[in-house]
Amino acid sequence: MTAQGVPIRTLGAGESVLLTPGLQMEVLGPKERNVRRYMDCLRRAYMPGQAQETVDACLSELDVSSNETSLLLRFESEGVVFLMAADNCPREWDEVPSFLLENVNVLKLPHHGQIDSISEHYMQNMPLAYVVTTSASDRRNNSAHPQVYQRLLDMRPPGEKPVFLFTDEREYFPYFSQTSGFQAVTLAVNSRKISVEFIKIQKKEKYV
């Protein structure tokens, strides 16, 4: 409970929440042992009197393992399934019941589309209509790696190729083009159909 009286609920893998009538969210990750290891390291890093070399080692470990503790969320509405992967990559999905990783229609690609963001083992069973990548347009650290999109296309038969969407790109030939610019992308479900809208945020004029 916050100081304002707002209740706080901590969710873990295996739990689900009915957000609104017809919209279910299931927590698929992170693994409990990854969270426990991360929190243990965090406590050691800030323990009073800890030697600086121990603190530095803990902070380095936290940096390396932080992606493994990010959320993996599954949303379902009207039979349409969204998988929101944050930085939780497929190598960490082995404890997720396989049926929850099938029939995914929209995938928020993990780890900004780096090469470890996909796995044929899981994604060849996903009838993906849309794949969303959050990656800065300078594609630092090999984000939005071109091999990722080619492999995703190769997994699907002709006529069932996913549409690639990027939150920070205007053009990524040959996978995406929205050269007129936008500040946000929305995907909405209505009667089991997914619609996409590119939103431009209008700047308010300043008056003196």
N, C-alpha and C. Protein backbone atom coordinates (compact mmCIF):
# COMPACT_ATOMS: atom_id res chain seq x y z
N MET A 1 0.84 -1.19 0.00
CA MET A 1 0.00 0.00 0.00
C MET A 1 0.89 1.25 0.00
N THR A 2 0.61 2.16 -0.93
CA THR A 2 1.38 3.40 -0.99
C THR A 2 0.91 4.36 0.10
N ALA A 3 1.68 5.46 0.25
CA ALA A 3 1.30 6.47 1.25
C ALA A 3 -0.05 7.10 0.92
N GLN A 4 -0.44 7.02 -0.34
CA GLN A 4 -1.73 7.56 -0.76
C GLN A 4 -2.86 6.55 -0.62
N GLY A 5 -2.52 5.35 -0.11
CA GLY A 5 -3.55 4.34 0.09
C GLY A 5 -3.84 3.48 -1.12
N VAL A 6 -2.99 3.57 -2.15
CA VAL A 6 -3.18 2.77 -3.36
C VAL A 6 -2.58 1.38 -3.13
N PRO A 7 -3.38 0.32 -3.28
CA PRO A 7 -2.84 -1.02 -3.04
C PRO A 7 -1.81 -1.42 -4.09
N ILE A 8 -0.80 -2.15 -3.67
CA ILE A 8 0.25 -2.65 -4.56
C ILE A 8 0.19 -4.16 -4.57
N ARG A 9 0.21 -4.73 -5.76
CA ARG A 9 0.22 -6.19 -5.90
C ARG A 9 1.44 -6.61 -6.71
N THR A 10 2.24 -7.47 -6.13
CA THR A 10 3.41 -7.98 -6.83
C THR A 10 3.04 -9.26 -7.56
N LEU A 11 3.28 -9.27 -8.87
CA LEU A 11 2.92 -10.43 -9.70
C LEU A 11 4.16 -11.21 -10.08
N GLY A 12 3.99 -12.51 -10.23
CA GLY A 12 5.07 -13.36 -10.67
C GLY A 12 4.60 -14.31 -11.75
N ALA A 13 5.53 -15.05 -12.31
CA ALA A 13 5.21 -16.00 -13.39
C ALA A 13 4.14 -16.97 -12.93
N GLY A 14 3.15 -17.20 -13.79
CA GLY A 14 2.06 -18.12 -13.47
C GLY A 14 0.80 -17.43 -12.99
N GLU A 15 0.87 -16.12 -12.73
CA GLU A 15 -0.30 -15.39 -12.27
C GLU A 15 -0.97 -14.68 -13.43
N SER A 16 -2.26 -14.40 -13.27
CA SER A 16 -3.01 -13.71 -14.31
C SER A 16 -3.94 -12.68 -13.68
N VAL A 17 -4.30 -11.68 -14.49
CA VAL A 17 -5.16 -10.60 -14.03
C VAL A 17 -6.16 -10.29 -15.14
N LEU A 18 -7.42 -10.17 -14.75
CA LEU A 18 -8.45 -9.70 -15.69
C LEU A 18 -8.45 -8.18 -15.61
N LEU A 19 -7.86 -7.53 -16.62
CA LEU A 19 -7.70 -6.08 -16.59
C LEU A 19 -9.03 -5.36 -16.81
N THR A 20 -9.77 -5.81 -17.79
CA THR A 20 -11.12 -5.32 -18.06
C THR A 20 -11.90 -6.51 -18.59
N PRO A 21 -13.22 -6.45 -18.60
CA PRO A 21 -13.97 -7.55 -19.19
C PRO A 21 -13.50 -7.84 -20.62
N GLY A 22 -13.02 -9.05 -20.85
CA GLY A 22 -12.56 -9.42 -22.18
C GLY A 22 -11.09 -9.19 -22.43
N LEU A 23 -10.35 -8.69 -21.44
CA LEU A 23 -8.91 -8.48 -21.62
C LEU A 23 -8.16 -9.13 -20.46
N GLN A 24 -7.50 -10.23 -20.75
CA GLN A 24 -6.79 -11.01 -19.75
C GLN A 24 -5.28 -10.82 -19.93
N MET A 25 -4.59 -10.62 -18.81
CA MET A 25 -3.13 -10.55 -18.83
C MET A 25 -2.55 -11.69 -18.01
N GLU A 26 -1.58 -12.40 -18.59
CA GLU A 26 -0.90 -13.48 -17.89
C GLU A 26 0.58 -13.17 -17.81
N VAL A 27 1.15 -13.39 -16.63
CA VAL A 27 2.58 -13.18 -16.43
C VAL A 27 3.30 -14.49 -16.71
N LEU A 28 4.14 -14.50 -17.72
CA LEU A 28 4.87 -15.72 -18.11
C LEU A 28 6.31 -15.72 -17.62
N GLY A 29 6.84 -14.58 -17.29
CA GLY A 29 8.22 -14.46 -16.82
C GLY A 29 8.40 -13.14 -16.14
N PRO A 30 9.49 -12.99 -15.41
CA PRO A 30 10.72 -13.79 -15.41
C PRO A 30 10.63 -15.01 -14.51
N LYS A 31 11.65 -15.87 -14.63
CA LYS A 31 11.75 -17.04 -13.76
C LYS A 31 11.97 -16.58 -12.33
N GLU A 32 11.36 -17.30 -11.40
CA GLU A 32 11.47 -16.94 -9.99
C GLU A 32 12.92 -16.98 -9.51
N ARG A 33 13.69 -17.96 -9.96
CA ARG A 33 15.07 -18.07 -9.49
C ARG A 33 15.92 -16.92 -10.01
N ASN A 34 15.59 -16.39 -11.20
CA ASN A 34 16.33 -15.24 -11.71
C ASN A 34 16.06 -14.00 -10.87
N VAL A 35 14.81 -13.82 -10.49
CA VAL A 35 14.46 -12.68 -9.65
C VAL A 35 15.13 -12.81 -8.28
N ARG A 36 15.10 -14.01 -7.72
CA ARG A 36 15.70 -14.24 -6.39
C ARG A 36 17.20 -13.96 -6.43
N ARG A 37 17.88 -14.44 -7.48
CA ARG A 37 19.32 -14.21 -7.60
C ARG A 37 19.62 -12.72 -7.77
N TYR A 38 18.80 -12.04 -8.55
CA TYR A 38 18.99 -10.61 -8.78
C TYR A 38 18.81 -9.82 -7.48
N MET A 39 17.76 -10.14 -6.73
CA MET A 39 17.50 -9.41 -5.49
C MET A 39 18.57 -9.69 -4.43
N ASP A 40 19.07 -10.92 -4.39
CA ASP A 40 20.16 -11.25 -3.47
C ASP A 40 21.40 -10.42 -3.79
N CYS A 41 21.69 -10.30 -5.06
CA CYS A 41 22.86 -9.52 -5.48
C CYS A 41 22.66 -8.04 -5.16
N LEU A 42 21.44 -7.56 -5.34
CA LEU A 42 21.13 -6.16 -5.05
C LEU A 42 21.31 -5.86 -3.57
N ARG A 43 20.88 -6.78 -2.73
CA ARG A 43 21.05 -6.58 -1.28
C ARG A 43 22.52 -6.57 -0.89
N ARG A 44 23.32 -7.46 -1.50
CA ARG A 44 24.74 -7.50 -1.20
C ARG A 44 25.44 -6.22 -1.63
N ALA A 45 25.00 -5.67 -2.75
CA ALA A 45 25.64 -4.45 -3.27
C ALA A 45 25.45 -3.27 -2.33
N TYR A 46 24.33 -3.23 -1.64
CA TYR A 46 24.04 -2.08 -0.78
C TYR A 46 24.10 -2.42 0.71
N MET A 47 24.72 -3.52 1.04
CA MET A 47 24.87 -3.89 2.44
C MET A 47 25.90 -2.95 3.10
N PRO A 48 25.57 -2.38 4.26
CA PRO A 48 26.50 -1.47 4.93
C PRO A 48 27.85 -2.13 5.21
N GLY A 49 28.92 -1.39 4.99
CA GLY A 49 30.26 -1.88 5.27
C GLY A 49 30.83 -2.81 4.22
N GLN A 50 30.13 -2.99 3.11
CA GLN A 50 30.60 -3.90 2.07
C GLN A 50 31.83 -3.31 1.38
N ALA A 51 32.82 -4.17 1.12
CA ALA A 51 34.04 -3.74 0.42
C ALA A 51 33.69 -3.25 -0.98
N GLN A 52 34.43 -2.24 -1.45
CA GLN A 52 34.13 -1.64 -2.75
C GLN A 52 34.24 -2.65 -3.89
N GLU A 53 35.23 -3.55 -3.81
CA GLU A 53 35.37 -4.54 -4.89
C GLU A 53 34.18 -5.49 -4.93
N THR A 54 33.60 -5.78 -3.77
CA THR A 54 32.41 -6.62 -3.72
C THR A 54 31.22 -5.88 -4.31
N VAL A 55 31.09 -4.61 -3.99
CA VAL A 55 30.02 -3.78 -4.54
C VAL A 55 30.14 -3.71 -6.06
N ASP A 56 31.35 -3.47 -6.55
CA ASP A 56 31.57 -3.37 -8.00
C ASP A 56 31.21 -4.68 -8.70
N ALA A 57 31.58 -5.81 -8.09
CA ALA A 57 31.27 -7.11 -8.68
C ALA A 57 29.76 -7.34 -8.73
N CYS A 58 29.06 -6.95 -7.67
CA CYS A 58 27.60 -7.10 -7.62
C CYS A 58 26.93 -6.23 -8.68
N LEU A 59 27.39 -4.99 -8.80
CA LEU A 59 26.80 -4.09 -9.79
C LEU A 59 27.02 -4.59 -11.20
N SER A 60 28.19 -5.17 -11.46
CA SER A 60 28.46 -5.75 -12.78
C SER A 60 27.53 -6.93 -13.05
N GLU A 61 27.33 -7.75 -12.03
CA GLU A 61 26.43 -8.90 -12.19
C GLU A 61 24.99 -8.44 -12.42
N LEU A 62 24.57 -7.40 -11.73
CA LEU A 62 23.22 -6.86 -11.91
C LEU A 62 23.03 -6.36 -13.34
N ASP A 63 24.05 -5.70 -13.87
CA ASP A 63 23.97 -5.18 -15.23
C ASP A 63 23.84 -6.32 -16.24
N VAL A 64 24.61 -7.38 -16.03
CA VAL A 64 24.59 -8.51 -16.97
C VAL A 64 23.28 -9.28 -16.91
N SER A 65 22.71 -9.42 -15.71
CA SER A 65 21.55 -10.29 -15.53
C SER A 65 20.21 -9.56 -15.55
N SER A 66 20.22 -8.24 -15.73
CA SER A 66 18.96 -7.49 -15.62
C SER A 66 17.93 -7.89 -16.67
N ASN A 67 18.38 -8.22 -17.90
CA ASN A 67 17.43 -8.61 -18.94
C ASN A 67 16.66 -9.87 -18.56
N GLU A 68 17.31 -10.77 -17.82
CA GLU A 68 16.66 -12.02 -17.44
C GLU A 68 15.54 -11.82 -16.42
N THR A 69 15.49 -10.64 -15.81
CA THR A 69 14.46 -10.37 -14.81
C THR A 69 13.35 -9.48 -15.35
N SER A 70 13.36 -9.18 -16.63
CA SER A 70 12.31 -8.34 -17.19
C SER A 70 11.06 -9.18 -17.46
N LEU A 71 9.94 -8.50 -17.57
CA LEU A 71 8.64 -9.17 -17.67
C LEU A 71 8.42 -9.79 -19.05
N LEU A 72 7.69 -10.88 -19.04
CA LEU A 72 7.16 -11.49 -20.25
C LEU A 72 5.65 -11.61 -20.03
N LEU A 73 4.88 -10.81 -20.78
CA LEU A 73 3.45 -10.71 -20.55
C LEU A 73 2.67 -11.17 -21.78
N ARG A 74 1.57 -11.87 -21.51
CA ARG A 74 0.67 -12.33 -22.57
C ARG A 74 -0.70 -11.70 -22.36
N PHE A 75 -1.18 -11.00 -23.38
CA PHE A 75 -2.51 -10.39 -23.33
C PHE A 75 -3.41 -11.09 -24.36
N GLU A 76 -4.65 -11.29 -23.98
CA GLU A 76 -5.60 -11.87 -24.93
C GLU A 76 -6.91 -11.11 -24.88
N SER A 77 -7.39 -10.72 -26.06
CA SER A 77 -8.67 -10.02 -26.19
C SER A 77 -9.35 -10.47 -27.46
N GLU A 78 -10.58 -10.94 -27.33
CA GLU A 78 -11.37 -11.39 -28.48
C GLU A 78 -10.65 -12.46 -29.28
N GLY A 79 -9.86 -13.29 -28.61
CA GLY A 79 -9.15 -14.35 -29.30
C GLY A 79 -7.87 -13.91 -29.96
N VAL A 80 -7.51 -12.63 -29.85
CA VAL A 80 -6.25 -12.11 -30.39
C VAL A 80 -5.23 -12.07 -29.27
N VAL A 81 -4.04 -12.60 -29.53
CA VAL A 81 -3.01 -12.74 -28.50
C VAL A 81 -1.84 -11.81 -28.78
N PHE A 82 -1.46 -11.04 -27.75
CA PHE A 82 -0.29 -10.17 -27.79
C PHE A 82 0.75 -10.75 -26.83
N LEU A 83 2.00 -10.82 -27.26
CA LEU A 83 3.11 -11.23 -26.39
C LEU A 83 4.07 -10.06 -26.28
N MET A 84 4.20 -9.53 -25.05
CA MET A 84 5.05 -8.37 -24.80
C MET A 84 6.28 -8.85 -24.05
N ALA A 85 7.44 -8.82 -24.72
CA ALA A 85 8.60 -9.54 -24.21
C ALA A 85 9.64 -8.67 -23.52
N ALA A 86 9.50 -7.35 -23.52
CA ALA A 86 10.52 -6.50 -22.90
C ALA A 86 11.91 -6.97 -23.36
N ASP A 87 12.83 -7.24 -22.42
CA ASP A 87 14.15 -7.76 -22.78
C ASP A 87 14.27 -9.25 -22.45
N ASN A 88 13.16 -9.89 -22.19
CA ASN A 88 13.14 -11.31 -21.82
C ASN A 88 13.21 -12.15 -23.10
N CYS A 89 14.39 -12.70 -23.38
CA CYS A 89 14.65 -13.38 -24.65
C CYS A 89 14.22 -14.86 -24.61
N PRO A 90 14.03 -15.47 -25.79
CA PRO A 90 13.54 -16.85 -25.85
C PRO A 90 14.34 -17.88 -25.08
N ARG A 91 15.63 -17.65 -24.86
CA ARG A 91 16.41 -18.63 -24.09
C ARG A 91 15.90 -18.77 -22.66
N GLU A 92 15.07 -17.80 -22.21
CA GLU A 92 14.51 -17.83 -20.86
C GLU A 92 13.07 -18.34 -20.83
N TRP A 93 12.55 -18.83 -21.95
CA TRP A 93 11.13 -19.21 -22.02
C TRP A 93 10.89 -20.70 -21.81
N ASP A 94 11.92 -21.46 -21.44
CA ASP A 94 11.79 -22.91 -21.39
C ASP A 94 10.84 -23.40 -20.30
N GLU A 95 10.54 -22.57 -19.30
CA GLU A 95 9.62 -22.99 -18.23
C GLU A 95 8.19 -22.53 -18.48
N VAL A 96 7.95 -21.82 -19.56
CA VAL A 96 6.60 -21.35 -19.89
C VAL A 96 5.83 -22.49 -20.55
N PRO A 97 4.60 -22.80 -20.10
CA PRO A 97 3.80 -23.82 -20.78
C PRO A 97 3.70 -23.51 -22.27
N SER A 98 4.01 -24.49 -23.10
CA SER A 98 4.16 -24.24 -24.54
C SER A 98 2.90 -23.67 -25.18
N PHE A 99 1.71 -24.06 -24.69
CA PHE A 99 0.48 -23.60 -25.33
C PHE A 99 0.29 -22.08 -25.17
N LEU A 100 0.93 -21.49 -24.16
CA LEU A 100 0.82 -20.05 -23.96
C LEU A 100 1.69 -19.26 -24.94
N LEU A 101 2.61 -19.94 -25.60
CA LEU A 101 3.48 -19.28 -26.57
C LEU A 101 3.08 -19.59 -28.00
N GLU A 102 1.95 -20.25 -28.16
CA GLU A 102 1.42 -20.53 -29.49
C GLU A 102 0.28 -19.55 -29.80
N ASN A 103 -0.10 -19.48 -31.04
CA ASN A 103 -1.22 -18.64 -31.46
C ASN A 103 -1.03 -17.17 -31.11
N VAL A 104 0.22 -16.71 -31.08
CA VAL A 104 0.51 -15.30 -30.83
C VAL A 104 0.34 -14.53 -32.14
N ASN A 105 -0.47 -13.48 -32.09
CA ASN A 105 -0.74 -12.68 -33.29
C ASN A 105 0.10 -11.42 -33.37
N VAL A 106 0.44 -10.85 -32.21
CA VAL A 106 1.26 -9.63 -32.16
C VAL A 106 2.40 -9.88 -31.18
N LEU A 107 3.62 -9.67 -31.65
CA LEU A 107 4.81 -9.87 -30.82
C LEU A 107 5.55 -8.56 -30.67
N LYS A 108 5.74 -8.13 -29.42
CA LYS A 108 6.69 -7.03 -29.16
C LYS A 108 8.04 -7.71 -29.03
N LEU A 109 8.86 -7.56 -30.04
CA LEU A 109 10.13 -8.28 -30.14
C LEU A 109 11.02 -7.98 -28.93
N PRO A 110 11.56 -9.02 -28.28
CA PRO A 110 12.42 -8.76 -27.13
C PRO A 110 13.76 -8.14 -27.51
N HIS A 111 14.36 -7.50 -26.52
CA HIS A 111 15.76 -7.03 -26.60
C HIS A 111 16.00 -6.14 -27.82
N HIS A 112 15.01 -5.32 -28.16
CA HIS A 112 15.15 -4.32 -29.22
C HIS A 112 15.51 -4.93 -30.58
N GLY A 113 15.14 -6.19 -30.78
CA GLY A 113 15.41 -6.81 -32.07
C GLY A 113 16.85 -7.21 -32.29
N GLN A 114 17.60 -7.41 -31.21
CA GLN A 114 18.95 -7.94 -31.37
C GLN A 114 18.88 -9.42 -31.76
N ILE A 115 20.00 -9.99 -32.13
CA ILE A 115 20.02 -11.31 -32.74
C ILE A 115 19.50 -12.40 -31.81
N ASP A 116 19.56 -12.16 -30.48
CA ASP A 116 19.06 -13.16 -29.53
C ASP A 116 17.58 -13.01 -29.24
N SER A 117 16.88 -12.19 -30.03
CA SER A 117 15.47 -11.91 -29.75
C SER A 117 14.50 -12.93 -30.34
N ILE A 118 14.99 -13.82 -31.17
CA ILE A 118 14.07 -14.76 -31.80
C ILE A 118 14.58 -16.19 -31.69
N SER A 119 13.64 -17.12 -31.85
CA SER A 119 13.94 -18.54 -31.82
C SER A 119 12.92 -19.27 -32.68
N GLU A 120 13.40 -20.01 -33.65
CA GLU A 120 12.49 -20.80 -34.47
C GLU A 120 11.70 -21.79 -33.63
N HIS A 121 12.27 -22.29 -32.57
CA HIS A 121 11.60 -23.26 -31.71
C HIS A 121 10.24 -22.74 -31.24
N TYR A 122 10.19 -21.47 -30.89
CA TYR A 122 8.94 -20.88 -30.42
C TYR A 122 8.17 -20.17 -31.52
N MET A 123 8.85 -19.39 -32.33
CA MET A 123 8.16 -18.45 -33.20
C MET A 123 7.62 -19.07 -34.47
N GLN A 124 8.10 -20.24 -34.83
CA GLN A 124 7.52 -20.88 -36.00
C GLN A 124 6.10 -21.35 -35.74
N ASN A 125 5.70 -21.42 -34.46
CA ASN A 125 4.33 -21.80 -34.10
C ASN A 125 3.44 -20.59 -33.83
N MET A 126 3.96 -19.40 -34.08
CA MET A 126 3.19 -18.18 -33.86
C MET A 126 2.67 -17.65 -35.19
N PRO A 127 1.35 -17.61 -35.38
CA PRO A 127 0.79 -17.02 -36.61
C PRO A 127 0.83 -15.50 -36.53
N LEU A 128 2.03 -14.94 -36.59
CA LEU A 128 2.22 -13.52 -36.35
C LEU A 128 1.64 -12.66 -37.46
N ALA A 129 0.81 -11.71 -37.06
CA ALA A 129 0.30 -10.71 -38.00
C ALA A 129 1.16 -9.46 -37.95
N TYR A 130 1.64 -9.11 -36.74
CA TYR A 130 2.46 -7.92 -36.56
C TYR A 130 3.61 -8.22 -35.61
N VAL A 131 4.77 -7.64 -35.91
CA VAL A 131 5.94 -7.71 -35.04
C VAL A 131 6.39 -6.27 -34.80
N VAL A 132 6.44 -5.87 -33.53
CA VAL A 132 6.79 -4.50 -33.16
C VAL A 132 8.19 -4.47 -32.57
N THR A 133 9.01 -3.55 -33.05
CA THR A 133 10.37 -3.38 -32.53
C THR A 133 10.51 -2.00 -31.92
N THR A 134 10.98 -1.95 -30.68
CA THR A 134 11.34 -0.67 -30.06
C THR A 134 12.86 -0.56 -30.12
N SER A 135 13.33 0.26 -31.02
CA SER A 135 14.77 0.39 -31.23
C SER A 135 15.07 1.77 -31.76
N ALA A 136 16.05 2.43 -31.16
CA ALA A 136 16.43 3.75 -31.64
C ALA A 136 16.86 3.66 -33.11
N SER A 137 16.62 4.71 -33.85
CA SER A 137 16.88 4.68 -35.29
C SER A 137 18.36 4.54 -35.63
N ASP A 138 19.25 4.80 -34.65
CA ASP A 138 20.67 4.58 -34.95
C ASP A 138 21.06 3.11 -34.78
N ARG A 139 20.12 2.28 -34.29
CA ARG A 139 20.30 0.81 -34.19
C ARG A 139 21.57 0.43 -33.46
N ARG A 140 21.84 1.10 -32.36
CA ARG A 140 23.05 0.83 -31.58
C ARG A 140 23.01 -0.58 -31.00
N ASN A 141 24.19 -1.13 -30.71
CA ASN A 141 24.33 -2.48 -30.14
C ASN A 141 23.67 -3.55 -31.01
N ASN A 142 23.65 -3.33 -32.32
CA ASN A 142 23.06 -4.28 -33.27
C ASN A 142 21.57 -4.49 -33.03
N SER A 143 20.88 -3.46 -32.50
CA SER A 143 19.42 -3.53 -32.40
C SER A 143 18.81 -3.53 -33.79
N ALA A 144 17.57 -4.05 -33.88
CA ALA A 144 16.88 -4.17 -35.17
C ALA A 144 17.78 -4.84 -36.20
N HIS A 145 18.35 -5.96 -35.80
CA HIS A 145 19.30 -6.66 -36.65
C HIS A 145 18.58 -7.22 -37.88
N PRO A 146 19.09 -6.97 -39.08
CA PRO A 146 18.38 -7.41 -40.29
C PRO A 146 18.15 -8.91 -40.37
N GLN A 147 19.04 -9.71 -39.80
CA GLN A 147 18.85 -11.16 -39.83
C GLN A 147 17.58 -11.58 -39.08
N VAL A 148 17.22 -10.81 -38.07
CA VAL A 148 16.03 -11.12 -37.28
C VAL A 148 14.78 -11.12 -38.16
N TYR A 149 14.65 -10.11 -38.98
CA TYR A 149 13.44 -9.96 -39.79
C TYR A 149 13.42 -10.96 -40.94
N GLN A 150 14.59 -11.24 -41.49
CA GLN A 150 14.63 -12.24 -42.56
C GLN A 150 14.27 -13.62 -42.02
N ARG A 151 14.77 -13.96 -40.84
CA ARG A 151 14.46 -15.26 -40.24
C ARG A 151 12.97 -15.36 -39.92
N LEU A 152 12.38 -14.27 -39.43
CA LEU A 152 10.95 -14.28 -39.14
C LEU A 152 10.13 -14.48 -40.42
N LEU A 153 10.56 -13.85 -41.51
CA LEU A 153 9.86 -14.04 -42.78
C LEU A 153 10.00 -15.48 -43.27
N ASP A 154 11.19 -16.06 -43.09
CA ASP A 154 11.42 -17.42 -43.56
C ASP A 154 10.60 -18.46 -42.78
N MET A 155 10.15 -18.11 -41.58
CA MET A 155 9.38 -19.06 -40.76
C MET A 155 7.94 -19.22 -41.25
N ARG A 156 7.42 -18.25 -42.00
CA ARG A 156 6.02 -18.26 -42.39
C ARG A 156 5.86 -18.57 -43.87
N PRO A 157 4.82 -19.29 -44.23
CA PRO A 157 4.59 -19.57 -45.65
C PRO A 157 4.16 -18.31 -46.40
N PRO A 158 4.28 -18.32 -47.74
CA PRO A 158 3.84 -17.16 -48.52
C PRO A 158 2.38 -16.82 -48.22
N GLY A 159 2.10 -15.55 -48.14
CA GLY A 159 0.74 -15.11 -47.84
C GLY A 159 0.46 -14.99 -46.35
N GLU A 160 1.40 -15.42 -45.51
CA GLU A 160 1.21 -15.32 -44.07
C GLU A 160 2.39 -14.61 -43.41
N LYS A 161 3.00 -13.70 -44.13
CA LYS A 161 4.15 -12.97 -43.61
C LYS A 161 3.68 -11.89 -42.64
N PRO A 162 4.39 -11.69 -41.53
CA PRO A 162 3.99 -10.63 -40.59
C PRO A 162 4.35 -9.24 -41.12
N VAL A 163 3.63 -8.25 -40.62
CA VAL A 163 3.94 -6.85 -40.90
C VAL A 163 4.87 -6.36 -39.79
N PHE A 164 5.96 -5.72 -40.17
CA PHE A 164 6.91 -5.21 -39.19
C PHE A 164 6.62 -3.74 -38.90
N LEU A 165 6.56 -3.42 -37.61
CA LEU A 165 6.34 -2.06 -37.16
C LEU A 165 7.51 -1.64 -36.28
N PHE A 166 7.92 -0.40 -36.40
CA PHE A 166 9.02 0.13 -35.60
C PHE A 166 8.55 1.40 -34.91
N THR A 167 8.94 1.57 -33.64
CA THR A 167 8.51 2.74 -32.90
C THR A 167 9.40 3.95 -33.14
N ASP A 168 10.63 3.74 -33.60
CA ASP A 168 11.57 4.85 -33.72
C ASP A 168 12.22 4.94 -35.10
N GLU A 169 11.66 4.26 -36.06
CA GLU A 169 12.19 4.30 -37.43
C GLU A 169 11.16 4.96 -38.35
N ARG A 170 11.64 5.73 -39.28
CA ARG A 170 10.75 6.20 -40.35
C ARG A 170 10.81 5.27 -41.55
N GLU A 171 12.01 4.72 -41.77
CA GLU A 171 12.16 3.81 -42.91
C GLU A 171 13.25 2.81 -42.61
N TYR A 172 12.94 1.55 -42.84
CA TYR A 172 13.92 0.48 -42.68
C TYR A 172 13.71 -0.47 -43.86
N PHE A 173 14.34 -0.14 -44.98
CA PHE A 173 14.17 -0.90 -46.21
C PHE A 173 14.77 -2.30 -46.04
N PRO A 174 14.05 -3.33 -46.50
CA PRO A 174 12.75 -3.33 -47.18
C PRO A 174 11.60 -3.68 -46.24
N TYR A 175 11.79 -3.52 -44.94
CA TYR A 175 10.82 -4.03 -43.97
C TYR A 175 9.77 -3.03 -43.52
N PHE A 176 10.07 -1.72 -43.63
CA PHE A 176 9.15 -0.75 -43.03
C PHE A 176 9.36 0.61 -43.67
N SER A 177 8.26 1.36 -43.83
CA SER A 177 8.35 2.73 -44.34
C SER A 177 7.16 3.53 -43.84
N GLN A 178 7.45 4.61 -43.17
CA GLN A 178 6.43 5.57 -42.73
C GLN A 178 7.11 6.94 -42.71
N THR A 179 7.49 7.37 -43.91
CA THR A 179 8.38 8.51 -44.04
C THR A 179 7.75 9.82 -43.61
N SER A 180 6.43 9.87 -43.49
CA SER A 180 5.79 11.12 -43.08
C SER A 180 5.99 11.40 -41.60
N GLY A 181 6.46 10.41 -40.84
CA GLY A 181 6.77 10.61 -39.44
C GLY A 181 5.60 10.33 -38.52
N PHE A 182 5.93 10.02 -37.27
CA PHE A 182 4.93 9.73 -36.26
C PHE A 182 5.63 9.71 -34.91
N GLN A 183 4.84 9.80 -33.84
CA GLN A 183 5.40 9.74 -32.50
C GLN A 183 4.94 8.51 -31.72
N ALA A 184 3.92 7.82 -32.20
CA ALA A 184 3.42 6.64 -31.49
C ALA A 184 2.70 5.72 -32.47
N VAL A 185 2.66 4.44 -32.11
CA VAL A 185 1.94 3.45 -32.89
C VAL A 185 0.94 2.78 -31.97
N THR A 186 -0.31 2.68 -32.40
CA THR A 186 -1.31 1.97 -31.60
C THR A 186 -1.84 0.79 -32.40
N LEU A 187 -2.12 -0.29 -31.69
CA LEU A 187 -2.77 -1.46 -32.28
C LEU A 187 -4.03 -1.72 -31.48
N ALA A 188 -5.15 -1.75 -32.15
CA ALA A 188 -6.44 -1.96 -31.48
C ALA A 188 -7.12 -3.19 -32.03
N VAL A 189 -7.89 -3.87 -31.16
CA VAL A 189 -8.62 -5.07 -31.55
C VAL A 189 -10.11 -4.75 -31.54
N ASN A 190 -10.76 -5.05 -32.65
CA ASN A 190 -12.20 -4.86 -32.75
C ASN A 190 -12.78 -5.96 -33.62
N SER A 191 -13.68 -6.75 -33.04
CA SER A 191 -14.29 -7.88 -33.76
C SER A 191 -13.21 -8.81 -34.30
N ARG A 192 -12.19 -9.07 -33.46
CA ARG A 192 -11.08 -9.98 -33.75
C ARG A 192 -10.20 -9.49 -34.89
N LYS A 193 -10.34 -8.23 -35.28
CA LYS A 193 -9.48 -7.65 -36.30
C LYS A 193 -8.54 -6.64 -35.65
N ILE A 194 -7.29 -6.61 -36.12
CA ILE A 194 -6.28 -5.70 -35.57
C ILE A 194 -6.13 -4.52 -36.51
N SER A 195 -6.26 -3.33 -35.95
CA SER A 195 -6.04 -2.12 -36.74
C SER A 195 -4.83 -1.36 -36.19
N VAL A 196 -4.08 -0.74 -37.09
CA VAL A 196 -2.86 -0.01 -36.73
C VAL A 196 -3.06 1.46 -37.06
N GLU A 197 -2.62 2.31 -36.13
CA GLU A 197 -2.68 3.75 -36.37
C GLU A 197 -1.35 4.38 -35.97
N PHE A 198 -0.82 5.20 -36.87
CA PHE A 198 0.39 5.98 -36.58
C PHE A 198 -0.06 7.36 -36.12
N ILE A 199 0.39 7.75 -34.95
CA ILE A 199 -0.09 8.98 -34.33
C ILE A 199 0.98 10.06 -34.36
N LYS A 200 0.57 11.23 -34.81
CA LYS A 200 1.42 12.41 -34.74
C LYS A 200 0.92 13.29 -33.60
N ILE A 201 1.81 13.66 -32.71
CA ILE A 201 1.45 14.50 -31.57
C ILE A 201 1.61 15.95 -31.98
N GLN A 202 0.51 16.67 -31.94
CA GLN A 202 0.54 18.06 -32.36
C GLN A 202 1.13 18.92 -31.24
N LYS A 203 2.11 19.74 -31.60
CA LYS A 203 2.71 20.64 -30.63
C LYS A 203 1.79 21.87 -30.43
N LYS A 204 1.61 22.23 -29.18
CA LYS A 204 0.81 23.38 -28.87
C LYS A 204 1.60 24.66 -29.13
N GLU A 205 0.95 25.61 -29.76
CA GLU A 205 1.62 26.87 -30.03
C GLU A 205 1.74 27.68 -28.74
N LYS A 206 2.85 28.36 -28.62
CA LYS A 206 3.06 29.22 -27.44
C LYS A 206 2.66 30.66 -27.78
N TYR A 207 1.91 31.22 -26.87
CA TYR A 207 1.48 32.60 -27.05
C TYR A 207 2.17 33.48 -26.02
N VAL A 208 2.66 34.61 -26.49
CA VAL A 208 3.34 35.55 -25.58
C VAL A 208 2.32 36.55 -25.04
